[in-house]
Amino acid sequence: QLQAYGGGLVQAGGSLRLSCTASGSTVVSSDIMGWFRRAPGKVRESVASIEWSGGGTAVAESVKGRFSVSKDNARNTVYLQMNSLQPDDTAVYYCAARQRNSAYDIWGQGTLVTVSS
């Protein structure tokens, strides 16, 4: 129901854009899409979120100013633009969906981002 892609290997200072495409049923049943990441040996971290309608966004303080989230409703796709990447950004990135007053309950498979120094 969620397909995340766009990860890869990038040098420090570089950029990547991740995409997450949701099935129609996922779009209908969810209000908010989120991006998360899990770095090796660390707990999962919330990175950003965006509302399907209205487009309200939130970005974690740890990546604010470097990462941004956007969407294309026509394509049922949300994006995570990552700029000025650093080795600490190396992680598996996941997208997820939830209803407004619920926890994230639909998860996509992760896409690996590796930032080399």
PDB file of N, CA and C in Angstrom:
ATOM      1  N   GLN A   1       0.809  -1.206   0.000  1.00  0.00           N
ATOM      2  CA  GLN A   1       0.000   0.000   0.000  1.00  0.00           C
ATOM      3  C   GLN A   1       0.846   1.263   0.000  1.00  0.00           C
ATOM      4  N   LEU A   2       2.087   1.142   0.441  1.00  0.00           N
ATOM      5  CA  LEU A   2       3.018   2.257   0.381  1.00  0.00           C
ATOM      6  C   LEU A   2       4.301   1.763  -0.248  1.00  0.00           C
ATOM      7  N   GLN A   3       4.794   2.518  -1.185  1.00  0.00           N
ATOM      8  CA  GLN A   3       6.023   2.151  -1.887  1.00  0.00           C
ATOM      9  C   GLN A   3       6.984   3.315  -1.805  1.00  0.00           C
ATOM     10  N   ALA A   4       8.052   3.133  -1.056  1.00  0.00           N
ATOM     11  CA  ALA A   4       9.074   4.171  -0.930  1.00  0.00           C
ATOM     12  C   ALA A   4      10.254   3.824  -1.811  1.00  0.00           C
ATOM     13  N   TYR A   5      10.844   4.842  -2.423  1.00  0.00           N
ATOM     14  CA  TYR A   5      11.988   4.609  -3.280  1.00  0.00           C
ATOM     15  C   TYR A   5      12.784   5.906  -3.416  1.00  0.00           C
ATOM     16  N   GLY A   6      13.951   5.779  -3.994  1.00  0.00           N
ATOM     17  CA  GLY A   6      14.794   6.947  -4.212  1.00  0.00           C
ATOM     18  C   GLY A   6      16.063   6.971  -3.383  1.00  0.00           C
ATOM     19  N   GLY A   7      16.254   5.989  -2.507  1.00  0.00           N
ATOM     20  CA  GLY A   7      17.470   5.951  -1.722  1.00  0.00           C
ATOM     21  C   GLY A   7      18.682   5.611  -2.568  1.00  0.00           C
ATOM     22  N   GLY A   8      19.834   5.736  -1.960  1.00  0.00           N
ATOM     23  CA  GLY A   8      21.057   5.423  -2.673  1.00  0.00           C
ATOM     24  C   GLY A   8      22.264   5.917  -1.923  1.00  0.00           C
ATOM     25  N   LEU A   9      23.373   5.921  -2.619  1.00  0.00           N
ATOM     26  CA  LEU A   9      24.647   6.371  -2.057  1.00  0.00           C
ATOM     27  C   LEU A   9      24.933   7.778  -2.556  1.00  0.00           C
ATOM     28  N   VAL A  10      25.243   8.661  -1.634  1.00  0.00           N
ATOM     29  CA  VAL A  10      25.539  10.045  -1.996  1.00  0.00           C
ATOM     30  C   VAL A  10      26.688  10.547  -1.132  1.00  0.00           C
ATOM     31  N   GLN A  11      27.455  11.442  -1.667  1.00  0.00           N
ATOM     32  CA  GLN A  11      28.540  12.025  -0.899  1.00  0.00           C
ATOM     33  C   GLN A  11      28.015  13.098   0.046  1.00  0.00           C
ATOM     34  N   ALA A  12      28.740  13.324   1.116  1.00  0.00           N
ATOM     35  CA  ALA A  12      28.369  14.375   2.061  1.00  0.00           C
ATOM     36  C   ALA A  12      28.221  15.699   1.320  1.00  0.00           C
ATOM     37  N   GLY A  13      27.167  16.422   1.675  1.00  0.00           N
ATOM     38  CA  GLY A  13      26.880  17.669   1.001  1.00  0.00           C
ATOM     39  C   GLY A  13      25.927  17.525  -0.171  1.00  0.00           C
ATOM     40  N   GLY A  14      25.679  16.307  -0.574  1.00  0.00           N
ATOM     41  CA  GLY A  14      24.810  16.058  -1.708  1.00  0.00           C
ATOM     42  C   GLY A  14      23.347  16.042  -1.333  1.00  0.00           C
ATOM     43  N   SER A  15      22.512  15.747  -2.317  1.00  0.00           N
ATOM     44  CA  SER A  15      21.062  15.757  -2.132  1.00  0.00           C
ATOM     45  C   SER A  15      20.452  14.477  -2.686  1.00  0.00           C
ATOM     46  N   LEU A  16      19.323  14.138  -2.122  1.00  0.00           N
ATOM     47  CA  LEU A  16      18.507  13.044  -2.627  1.00  0.00           C
ATOM     48  C   LEU A  16      17.050  13.420  -2.426  1.00  0.00           C
ATOM     49  N   ARG A  17      16.199  12.898  -3.280  1.00  0.00           N
ATOM     50  CA  ARG A  17      14.772  13.040  -3.063  1.00  0.00           C
ATOM     51  C   ARG A  17      14.141  11.659  -2.989  1.00  0.00           C
ATOM     52  N   LEU A  18      13.528  11.404  -1.861  1.00  0.00           N
ATOM     53  CA  LEU A  18      12.790  10.158  -1.681  1.00  0.00           C
ATOM     54  C   LEU A  18      11.337  10.364  -2.077  1.00  0.00           C
ATOM     55  N   SER A  19      10.750   9.305  -2.597  1.00  0.00           N
ATOM     56  CA  SER A  19       9.344   9.337  -2.974  1.00  0.00           C
ATOM     57  C   SER A  19       8.615   8.200  -2.278  1.00  0.00           C
ATOM     58  N   CYS A  20       7.357   8.419  -2.009  1.00  0.00           N
ATOM     59  CA  CYS A  20       6.509   7.392  -1.421  1.00  0.00           C
ATOM     60  C   CYS A  20       5.151   7.469  -2.103  1.00  0.00           C
ATOM     61  N   THR A  21       4.812   6.427  -2.810  1.00  0.00           N
ATOM     62  CA  THR A  21       3.539   6.380  -3.513  1.00  0.00           C
ATOM     63  C   THR A  21       2.558   5.510  -2.743  1.00  0.00           C
ATOM     64  N   ALA A  22       1.375   6.053  -2.532  1.00  0.00           N
ATOM     65  CA  ALA A  22       0.343   5.344  -1.774  1.00  0.00           C
ATOM     66  C   ALA A  22      -0.730   4.811  -2.712  1.00  0.00           C
ATOM     67  N   SER A  23      -1.255   3.657  -2.371  1.00  0.00           N
ATOM     68  CA  SER A  23      -2.388   3.146  -3.126  1.00  0.00           C
ATOM     69  C   SER A  23      -3.603   4.030  -2.886  1.00  0.00           C
ATOM     70  N   GLY A  24      -4.570   3.939  -3.748  1.00  0.00           N
ATOM     71  CA  GLY A  24      -5.752   4.764  -3.594  1.00  0.00           C
ATOM     72  C   GLY A  24      -6.463   4.536  -2.276  1.00  0.00           C
ATOM     73  N   SER A  25      -6.519   3.293  -1.857  1.00  0.00           N
ATOM     74  CA  SER A  25      -7.210   2.989  -0.600  1.00  0.00           C
ATOM     75  C   SER A  25      -6.468   3.586   0.593  1.00  0.00           C
ATOM     76  N   THR A  26      -5.157   3.621   0.498  1.00  0.00           N
ATOM     77  CA  THR A  26      -4.373   4.222   1.583  1.00  0.00           C
ATOM     78  C   THR A  26      -4.625   5.714   1.651  1.00  0.00           C
ATOM     79  N   VAL A  27      -4.707   6.354   0.516  1.00  0.00           N
ATOM     80  CA  VAL A  27      -4.965   7.796   0.500  1.00  0.00           C
ATOM     81  C   VAL A  27      -6.335   8.088   1.097  1.00  0.00           C
ATOM     82  N   VAL A  28      -7.318   7.269   0.734  1.00  0.00           N
ATOM     83  CA  VAL A  28      -8.673   7.489   1.224  1.00  0.00           C
ATOM     84  C   VAL A  28      -8.753   7.297   2.728  1.00  0.00           C
ATOM     85  N   SER A  29      -7.999   6.340   3.248  1.00  0.00           N
ATOM     86  CA  SER A  29      -8.137   5.969   4.662  1.00  0.00           C
ATOM     87  C   SER A  29      -7.180   6.718   5.579  1.00  0.00           C
ATOM     88  N   SER A  30      -6.317   7.546   5.035  1.00  0.00           N
ATOM     89  CA  SER A  30      -5.338   8.225   5.889  1.00  0.00           C
ATOM     90  C   SER A  30      -5.410   9.729   5.696  1.00  0.00           C
ATOM     91  N   ASP A  31      -4.974  10.430   6.717  1.00  0.00           N
ATOM     92  CA  ASP A  31      -4.945  11.889   6.680  1.00  0.00           C
ATOM     93  C   ASP A  31      -3.527  12.446   6.575  1.00  0.00           C
ATOM     94  N   ILE A  32      -2.592  11.707   7.139  1.00  0.00           N
ATOM     95  CA  ILE A  32      -1.234  12.228   7.288  1.00  0.00           C
ATOM     96  C   ILE A  32      -0.223  11.181   6.833  1.00  0.00           C
ATOM     97  N   MET A  33       0.764  11.637   6.114  1.00  0.00           N
ATOM     98  CA  MET A  33       1.880  10.794   5.700  1.00  0.00           C
ATOM     99  C   MET A  33       3.133  11.239   6.445  1.00  0.00           C
ATOM    100  N   GLY A  34       3.894  10.271   6.890  1.00  0.00           N
ATOM    101  CA  GLY A  34       5.098  10.595   7.619  1.00  0.00           C
ATOM    102  C   GLY A  34       6.328   9.922   7.030  1.00  0.00           C
ATOM    103  N   TRP A  35       7.453  10.552   7.277  1.00  0.00           N
ATOM    104  CA  TRP A  35       8.756   9.963   6.942  1.00  0.00           C
ATOM    105  C   TRP A  35       9.501   9.696   8.241  1.00  0.00           C
ATOM    106  N   PHE A  36      10.100   8.534   8.325  1.00  0.00           N
ATOM    107  CA  PHE A  36      10.865   8.131   9.483  1.00  0.00           C
ATOM    108  C   PHE A  36      12.211   7.588   9.000  1.00  0.00           C
ATOM    109  N   ARG A  37      13.134   7.473   9.920  1.00  0.00           N
ATOM    110  CA  ARG A  37      14.395   6.830   9.573  1.00  0.00           C
ATOM    111  C   ARG A  37      14.927   6.058  10.771  1.00  0.00           C
ATOM    112  N   ARG A  38      15.680   5.030  10.454  1.00  0.00           N
ATOM    113  CA  ARG A  38      16.354   4.250  11.499  1.00  0.00           C
ATOM    114  C   ARG A  38      17.797   4.071  11.076  1.00  0.00           C
ATOM    115  N   ALA A  39      18.661   4.689  11.839  1.00  0.00           N
ATOM    116  CA  ALA A  39      20.094   4.562  11.592  1.00  0.00           C
ATOM    117  C   ALA A  39      20.619   3.325  12.307  1.00  0.00           C
ATOM    118  N   PRO A  40      21.722   2.781  11.864  1.00  0.00           N
ATOM    119  CA  PRO A  40      22.290   1.598  12.507  1.00  0.00           C
ATOM    120  C   PRO A  40      22.517   1.826  13.994  1.00  0.00           C
ATOM    121  N   GLY A  41      21.979   0.943  14.809  1.00  0.00           N
ATOM    122  CA  GLY A  41      22.183   1.027  16.250  1.00  0.00           C
ATOM    123  C   GLY A  41      21.371   2.093  16.953  1.00  0.00           C
ATOM    124  N   LYS A  42      20.460   2.733  16.233  1.00  0.00           N
ATOM    125  CA  LYS A  42      19.651   3.802  16.834  1.00  0.00           C
ATOM    126  C   LYS A  42      18.174   3.468  16.731  1.00  0.00           C
ATOM    127  N   VAL A  43      17.387   4.167  17.510  1.00  0.00           N
ATOM    128  CA  VAL A  43      15.943   3.966  17.451  1.00  0.00           C
ATOM    129  C   VAL A  43      15.374   4.721  16.254  1.00  0.00           C
ATOM    130  N   ARG A  44      14.193   4.303  15.875  1.00  0.00           N
ATOM    131  CA  ARG A  44      13.524   4.972  14.766  1.00  0.00           C
ATOM    132  C   ARG A  44      13.210   6.417  15.124  1.00  0.00           C
ATOM    133  N   GLU A  45      13.405   7.292  14.159  1.00  0.00           N
ATOM    134  CA  GLU A  45      13.241   8.733  14.384  1.00  0.00           C
ATOM    135  C   GLU A  45      12.245   9.287  13.380  1.00  0.00           C
ATOM    136  N   SER A  46      11.332  10.115  13.872  1.00  0.00           N
ATOM    137  CA  SER A  46      10.412  10.818  12.973  1.00  0.00           C
ATOM    138  C   SER A  46      11.171  11.939  12.284  1.00  0.00           C
ATOM    139  N   VAL A  47      10.996  12.050  10.975  1.00  0.00           N
ATOM    140  CA  VAL A  47      11.722  13.044  10.194  1.00  0.00           C
ATOM    141  C   VAL A  47      10.808  14.167   9.726  1.00  0.00           C
ATOM    142  N   ALA A  48       9.662  13.813   9.178  1.00  0.00           N
ATOM    143  CA  ALA A  48       8.768  14.835   8.634  1.00  0.00           C
ATOM    144  C   ALA A  48       7.383  14.234   8.431  1.00  0.00           C
ATOM    145  N   SER A  49       6.408  15.109   8.270  1.00  0.00           N
ATOM    146  CA  SER A  49       5.057  14.657   7.981  1.00  0.00           C
ATOM    147  C   SER A  49       4.340  15.710   7.165  1.00  0.00           C
ATOM    148  N   ILE A  50       3.284  15.265   6.486  1.00  0.00           N
ATOM    149  CA  ILE A  50       2.500  16.181   5.666  1.00  0.00           C
ATOM    150  C   ILE A  50       1.067  15.681   5.604  1.00  0.00           C
ATOM    151  N   GLU A  51       0.126  16.595   5.580  1.00  0.00           N
ATOM    152  CA  GLU A  51      -1.289  16.257   5.480  1.00  0.00           C
ATOM    153  C   GLU A  51      -1.685  16.150   4.015  1.00  0.00           C
ATOM    154  N   TRP A  52      -2.490  15.111   3.717  1.00  0.00           N
ATOM    155  CA  TRP A  52      -2.941  14.961   2.343  1.00  0.00           C
ATOM    156  C   TRP A  52      -3.766  16.171   1.904  1.00  0.00           C
ATOM    157  N   SER A  53      -4.666  16.601   2.755  1.00  0.00           N
ATOM    158  CA  SER A  53      -5.462  17.777   2.423  1.00  0.00           C
ATOM    159  C   SER A  53      -4.941  18.942   3.252  1.00  0.00           C
ATOM    160  N   GLY A  54      -4.871  20.091   2.649  1.00  0.00           N
ATOM    161  CA  GLY A  54      -4.357  21.251   3.352  1.00  0.00           C
ATOM    162  C   GLY A  54      -2.852  21.384   3.229  1.00  0.00           C
ATOM    163  N   GLY A  55      -2.143  20.265   3.259  1.00  0.00           N
ATOM    164  CA  GLY A  55      -0.706  20.322   3.040  1.00  0.00           C
ATOM    165  C   GLY A  55       0.123  20.777   4.221  1.00  0.00           C
ATOM    166  N   GLY A  56      -0.469  20.809   5.414  1.00  0.00           N
ATOM    167  CA  GLY A  56       0.319  21.187   6.575  1.00  0.00           C
ATOM    168  C   GLY A  56       1.490  20.243   6.771  1.00  0.00           C
ATOM    169  N   THR A  57       2.643  20.797   7.112  1.00  0.00           N
ATOM    170  CA  THR A  57       3.853  19.988   7.236  1.00  0.00           C
ATOM    171  C   THR A  57       4.509  20.177   8.598  1.00  0.00           C
ATOM    172  N   ALA A  58       5.324  19.210   8.936  1.00  0.00           N
ATOM    173  CA  ALA A  58       6.158  19.286  10.132  1.00  0.00           C
ATOM    174  C   ALA A  58       7.482  18.621   9.795  1.00  0.00           C
ATOM    175  N   VAL A  59       8.560  19.219  10.284  1.00  0.00           N
ATOM    176  CA  VAL A  59       9.900  18.689  10.034  1.00  0.00           C
ATOM    177  C   VAL A  59      10.643  18.646  11.357  1.00  0.00           C
ATOM    178  N   ALA A  60      11.340  17.562  11.606  1.00  0.00           N
ATOM    179  CA  ALA A  60      12.085  17.407  12.850  1.00  0.00           C
ATOM    180  C   ALA A  60      13.171  18.468  12.963  1.00  0.00           C
ATOM    181  N   GLU A  61      13.394  18.898  14.176  1.00  0.00           N
ATOM    182  CA  GLU A  61      14.425  19.912  14.410  1.00  0.00           C
ATOM    183  C   GLU A  61      15.794  19.456  13.921  1.00  0.00           C
ATOM    184  N   SER A  62      16.045  18.158  14.017  1.00  0.00           N
ATOM    185  CA  SER A  62      17.361  17.632  13.655  1.00  0.00           C
ATOM    186  C   SER A  62      17.674  17.789  12.172  1.00  0.00           C
ATOM    187  N   VAL A  63      16.646  17.977  11.343  1.00  0.00           N
ATOM    188  CA  VAL A  63      16.875  18.089   9.898  1.00  0.00           C
ATOM    189  C   VAL A  63      16.279  19.374   9.321  1.00  0.00           C
ATOM    190  N   LYS A  64      15.701  20.179  10.175  1.00  0.00           N
ATOM    191  CA  LYS A  64      15.075  21.411   9.691  1.00  0.00           C
ATOM    192  C   LYS A  64      16.109  22.292   9.003  1.00  0.00           C
ATOM    193  N   GLY A  65      15.678  22.855   7.879  1.00  0.00           N
ATOM    194  CA  GLY A  65      16.576  23.679   7.093  1.00  0.00           C
ATOM    195  C   GLY A  65      17.321  22.893   6.026  1.00  0.00           C
ATOM    196  N   ARG A  66      17.331  21.570   6.159  1.00  0.00           N
ATOM    197  CA  ARG A  66      17.981  20.717   5.156  1.00  0.00           C
ATOM    198  C   ARG A  66      16.987  19.817   4.444  1.00  0.00           C
ATOM    199  N   PHE A  67      15.993  19.356   5.171  1.00  0.00           N
ATOM    200  CA  PHE A  67      14.989  18.448   4.612  1.00  0.00           C
ATOM    201  C   PHE A  67      13.667  19.190   4.470  1.00  0.00           C
ATOM    202  N   SER A  68      12.921  18.822   3.454  1.00  0.00           N
ATOM    203  CA  SER A  68      11.574  19.354   3.281  1.00  0.00           C
ATOM    204  C   SER A  68      10.674  18.246   2.747  1.00  0.00           C
ATOM    205  N   VAL A  69       9.388  18.380   3.034  1.00  0.00           N
ATOM    206  CA  VAL A  69       8.412  17.371   2.624  1.00  0.00           C
ATOM    207  C   VAL A  69       7.368  18.041   1.747  1.00  0.00           C
ATOM    208  N   SER A  70       6.946  17.333   0.722  1.00  0.00           N
ATOM    209  CA  SER A  70       5.928  17.857  -0.180  1.00  0.00           C
ATOM    210  C   SER A  70       5.090  16.703  -0.708  1.00  0.00           C
ATOM    211  N   LYS A  71       4.064  17.024  -1.483  1.00  0.00           N
ATOM    212  CA  LYS A  71       3.186  15.978  -1.991  1.00  0.00           C
ATOM    213  C   LYS A  71       2.668  16.336  -3.355  1.00  0.00           C
ATOM    214  N   ASP A  72       2.216  15.317  -4.045  1.00  0.00           N
ATOM    215  CA  ASP A  72       1.528  15.472  -5.322  1.00  0.00           C
ATOM    216  C   ASP A  72       0.274  14.618  -5.228  1.00  0.00           C
ATOM    217  N   ASN A  73      -0.830  15.264  -4.936  1.00  0.00           N
ATOM    218  CA  ASN A  73      -2.070  14.509  -4.740  1.00  0.00           C
ATOM    219  C   ASN A  73      -2.482  13.740  -5.998  1.00  0.00           C
ATOM    220  N   ALA A  74      -2.213  14.311  -7.148  1.00  0.00           N
ATOM    221  CA  ALA A  74      -2.602  13.655  -8.396  1.00  0.00           C
ATOM    222  C   ALA A  74      -1.875  12.326  -8.572  1.00  0.00           C
ATOM    223  N   ARG A  75      -0.679  12.246  -8.018  1.00  0.00           N
ATOM    224  CA  ARG A  75       0.127  11.019  -8.116  1.00  0.00           C
ATOM    225  C   ARG A  75       0.095  10.199  -6.836  1.00  0.00           C
ATOM    226  N   ASN A  76      -0.685  10.643  -5.844  1.00  0.00           N
ATOM    227  CA  ASN A  76      -0.726   9.943  -4.545  1.00  0.00           C
ATOM    228  C   ASN A  76       0.679   9.727  -3.992  1.00  0.00           C
ATOM    229  N   THR A  77       1.502  10.722  -4.133  1.00  0.00           N
ATOM    230  CA  THR A  77       2.914  10.582  -3.792  1.00  0.00           C
ATOM    231  C   THR A  77       3.364  11.715  -2.883  1.00  0.00           C
ATOM    232  N   VAL A  78       4.137  11.370  -1.908  1.00  0.00           N
ATOM    233  CA  VAL A  78       4.786  12.357  -1.055  1.00  0.00           C
ATOM    234  C   VAL A  78       6.285  12.241  -1.258  1.00  0.00           C
ATOM    235  N   TYR A  79       6.961  13.351  -1.034  1.00  0.00           N
ATOM    236  CA  TYR A  79       8.392  13.422  -1.289  1.00  0.00           C
ATOM    237  C   TYR A  79       9.131  13.897  -0.042  1.00  0.00           C
ATOM    238  N   LEU A  80      10.344  13.471   0.091  1.00  0.00           N
ATOM    239  CA  LEU A  80      11.243  13.989   1.113  1.00  0.00           C
ATOM    240  C   LEU A  80      12.497  14.470   0.392  1.00  0.00           C
ATOM    241  N   GLN A  81      12.636  15.779   0.315  1.00  0.00           N
ATOM    242  CA  GLN A  81      13.815  16.360  -0.294  1.00  0.00           C
ATOM    243  C   GLN A  81      14.877  16.531   0.777  1.00  0.00           C
ATOM    244  N   MET A  82      16.020  15.935   0.535  1.00  0.00           N
ATOM    245  CA  MET A  82      17.097  15.964   1.522  1.00  0.00           C
ATOM    246  C   MET A  82      18.309  16.643   0.906  1.00  0.00           C
ATOM    247  N   ASN A  83      18.687  17.766   1.489  1.00  0.00           N
ATOM    248  CA  ASN A  83      19.830  18.530   1.007  1.00  0.00           C
ATOM    249  C   ASN A  83      20.927  18.553   2.064  1.00  0.00           C
ATOM    250  N   SER A  84      22.108  18.913   1.647  1.00  0.00           N
ATOM    251  CA  SER A  84      23.260  19.014   2.556  1.00  0.00           C
ATOM    252  C   SER A  84      23.375  17.760   3.417  1.00  0.00           C
ATOM    253  N   LEU A  85      23.283  16.620   2.786  1.00  0.00           N
ATOM    254  CA  LEU A  85      23.318  15.367   3.521  1.00  0.00           C
ATOM    255  C   LEU A  85      24.659  15.151   4.205  1.00  0.00           C
ATOM    256  N   GLN A  86      24.576  14.564   5.381  1.00  0.00           N
ATOM    257  CA  GLN A  86      25.750  14.276   6.194  1.00  0.00           C
ATOM    258  C   GLN A  86      25.789  12.791   6.505  1.00  0.00           C
ATOM    259  N   PRO A  87      26.960  12.277   6.860  1.00  0.00           N
ATOM    260  CA  PRO A  87      27.039  10.850   7.199  1.00  0.00           C
ATOM    261  C   PRO A  87      26.046  10.424   8.278  1.00  0.00           C
ATOM    262  N   ASP A  88      25.730  11.323   9.202  1.00  0.00           N
ATOM    263  CA  ASP A  88      24.748  10.997  10.246  1.00  0.00           C
ATOM    264  C   ASP A  88      23.344  10.792   9.693  1.00  0.00           C
ATOM    265  N   ASP A  89      23.113  11.188   8.465  1.00  0.00           N
ATOM    266  CA  ASP A  89      21.810  10.972   7.836  1.00  0.00           C
ATOM    267  C   ASP A  89      21.679   9.564   7.267  1.00  0.00           C
ATOM    268  N   THR A  90      22.753   8.818   7.302  1.00  0.00           N
ATOM    269  CA  THR A  90      22.711   7.439   6.815  1.00  0.00           C
ATOM    270  C   THR A  90      21.705   6.633   7.630  1.00  0.00           C
ATOM    271  N   ALA A  91      20.747   6.042   6.940  1.00  0.00           N
ATOM    272  CA  ALA A  91      19.682   5.308   7.624  1.00  0.00           C
ATOM    273  C   ALA A  91      18.794   4.648   6.576  1.00  0.00           C
ATOM    274  N   VAL A  92      17.944   3.779   7.066  1.00  0.00           N
ATOM    275  CA  VAL A  92      16.839   3.295   6.252  1.00  0.00           C
ATOM    276  C   VAL A  92      15.678   4.247   6.485  1.00  0.00           C
ATOM    277  N   TYR A  93      15.136   4.769   5.420  1.00  0.00           N
ATOM    278  CA  TYR A  93      14.035   5.722   5.494  1.00  0.00           C
ATOM    279  C   TYR A  93      12.733   5.027   5.136  1.00  0.00           C
ATOM    280  N   TYR A  94      11.719   5.297   5.937  1.00  0.00           N
ATOM    281  CA  TYR A  94      10.412   4.679   5.764  1.00  0.00           C
ATOM    282  C   TYR A  94       9.339   5.758   5.602  1.00  0.00           C
ATOM    283  N   CYS A  95       8.307   5.429   4.860  1.00  0.00           N
ATOM    284  CA  CYS A  95       7.128   6.278   4.862  1.00  0.00           C
ATOM    285  C   CYS A  95       5.997   5.511   5.542  1.00  0.00           C
ATOM    286  N   ALA A  96       5.076   6.255   6.101  1.00  0.00           N
ATOM    287  CA  ALA A  96       3.969   5.650   6.833  1.00  0.00           C
ATOM    288  C   ALA A  96       2.750   6.548   6.725  1.00  0.00           C
ATOM    289  N   ALA A  97       1.603   5.973   7.042  1.00  0.00           N
ATOM    290  CA  ALA A  97       0.347   6.716   6.942  1.00  0.00           C
ATOM    291  C   ALA A  97      -0.474   6.525   8.206  1.00  0.00           C
ATOM    292  N   ARG A  98      -1.242   7.527   8.538  1.00  0.00           N
ATOM    293  CA  ARG A  98      -2.131   7.416   9.686  1.00  0.00           C
ATOM    294  C   ARG A  98      -3.332   8.324   9.509  1.00  0.00           C
ATOM    295  N   GLN A  99      -4.363   8.050  10.298  1.00  0.00           N
ATOM    296  CA  GLN A  99      -5.478   8.980  10.416  1.00  0.00           C
ATOM    297  C   GLN A  99      -5.107  10.039  11.431  1.00  0.00           C
ATOM    298  N   ARG A 100      -5.852  11.103  11.429  1.00  0.00           N
ATOM    299  CA  ARG A 100      -5.473  12.299  12.198  1.00  0.00           C
ATOM    300  C   ARG A 100      -5.257  12.029  13.677  1.00  0.00           C
ATOM    301  N   ASN A 101      -6.080  11.269  14.308  1.00  0.00           N
ATOM    302  CA  ASN A 101      -5.978  11.052  15.753  1.00  0.00           C
ATOM    303  C   ASN A 101      -5.546   9.630  16.088  1.00  0.00           C
ATOM    304  N   SER A 102      -4.775   9.049  15.211  1.00  0.00           N
ATOM    305  CA  SER A 102      -4.319   7.677  15.419  1.00  0.00           C
ATOM    306  C   SER A 102      -2.818   7.575  15.212  1.00  0.00           C
ATOM    307  N   ALA A 103      -2.297   6.445  15.602  1.00  0.00           N
ATOM    308  CA  ALA A 103      -0.881   6.181  15.360  1.00  0.00           C
ATOM    309  C   ALA A 103      -0.673   5.741  13.912  1.00  0.00           C
ATOM    310  N   TYR A 104       0.563   5.842  13.455  1.00  0.00           N
ATOM    311  CA  TYR A 104       0.882   5.346  12.115  1.00  0.00           C
ATOM    312  C   TYR A 104       0.645   3.834  12.082  1.00  0.00           C
ATOM    313  N   ASP A 105      -0.160   3.402  11.138  1.00  0.00           N
ATOM    314  CA  ASP A 105      -0.485   1.984  11.094  1.00  0.00           C
ATOM    315  C   ASP A 105      -0.286   1.358   9.721  1.00  0.00           C
ATOM    316  N   ILE A 106       0.138   2.139   8.770  1.00  0.00           N
ATOM    317  CA  ILE A 106       0.464   1.606   7.447  1.00  0.00           C
ATOM    318  C   ILE A 106       1.896   2.030   7.152  1.00  0.00           C
ATOM    319  N   TRP A 107       2.728   1.044   6.887  1.00  0.00           N
ATOM    320  CA  TRP A 107       4.149   1.310   6.687  1.00  0.00           C
ATOM    321  C   TRP A 107       4.602   0.755   5.341  1.00  0.00           C
ATOM    322  N   GLY A 108       5.467   1.509   4.709  1.00  0.00           N
ATOM    323  CA  GLY A 108       6.078   1.026   3.492  1.00  0.00           C
ATOM    324  C   GLY A 108       7.395   0.328   3.806  1.00  0.00           C
ATOM    325  N   GLN A 109       7.939  -0.328   2.821  1.00  0.00           N
ATOM    326  CA  GLN A 109       9.266  -0.906   3.024  1.00  0.00           C
ATOM    327  C   GLN A 109      10.271   0.236   3.012  1.00  0.00           C
ATOM    328  N   GLY A 110      11.383   0.060   3.628  1.00  0.00           N
ATOM    329  CA  GLY A 110      12.354   1.123   3.736  1.00  0.00           C
ATOM    330  C   GLY A 110      13.202   1.261   2.484  1.00  0.00           C
ATOM    331  N   THR A 111      13.789   2.417   2.370  1.00  0.00           N
ATOM    332  CA  THR A 111      14.759   2.654   1.302  1.00  0.00           C
ATOM    333  C   THR A 111      16.037   3.178   1.955  1.00  0.00           C
ATOM    334  N   LEU A 112      17.153   2.585   1.601  1.00  0.00           N
ATOM    335  CA  LEU A 112      18.413   2.876   2.270  1.00  0.00           C
ATOM    336  C   LEU A 112      19.072   4.111   1.675  1.00  0.00           C
ATOM    337  N   VAL A 113      19.452   5.005   2.561  1.00  0.00           N
ATOM    338  CA  VAL A 113      20.229   6.173   2.189  1.00  0.00           C
ATOM    339  C   VAL A 113      21.586   6.062   2.873  1.00  0.00           C
ATOM    340  N   THR A 114      22.636   6.105   2.087  1.00  0.00           N
ATOM    341  CA  THR A 114      23.988   6.036   2.620  1.00  0.00           C
ATOM    342  C   THR A 114      24.738   7.285   2.195  1.00  0.00           C
ATOM    343  N   VAL A 115      25.253   7.996   3.185  1.00  0.00           N
ATOM    344  CA  VAL A 115      25.992   9.227   2.916  1.00  0.00           C
ATOM    345  C   VAL A 115      27.458   8.982   3.260  1.00  0.00           C
ATOM    346  N   SER A 116      28.295   9.111   2.275  1.00  0.00           N
ATOM    347  CA  SER A 116      29.724   8.879   2.486  1.00  0.00           C
ATOM    348  C   SER A 116      30.435  10.183   2.803  1.00  0.00           C
ATOM    349  N   SER A 117      31.451  10.090   3.628  1.00  0.00           N
ATOM    350  CA  SER A 117      32.190  11.299   4.028  1.00  0.00           C
ATOM    351  C   SER A 117      33.318  11.591   3.057  1.00  0.00           C
TER     352      SER A 117
END
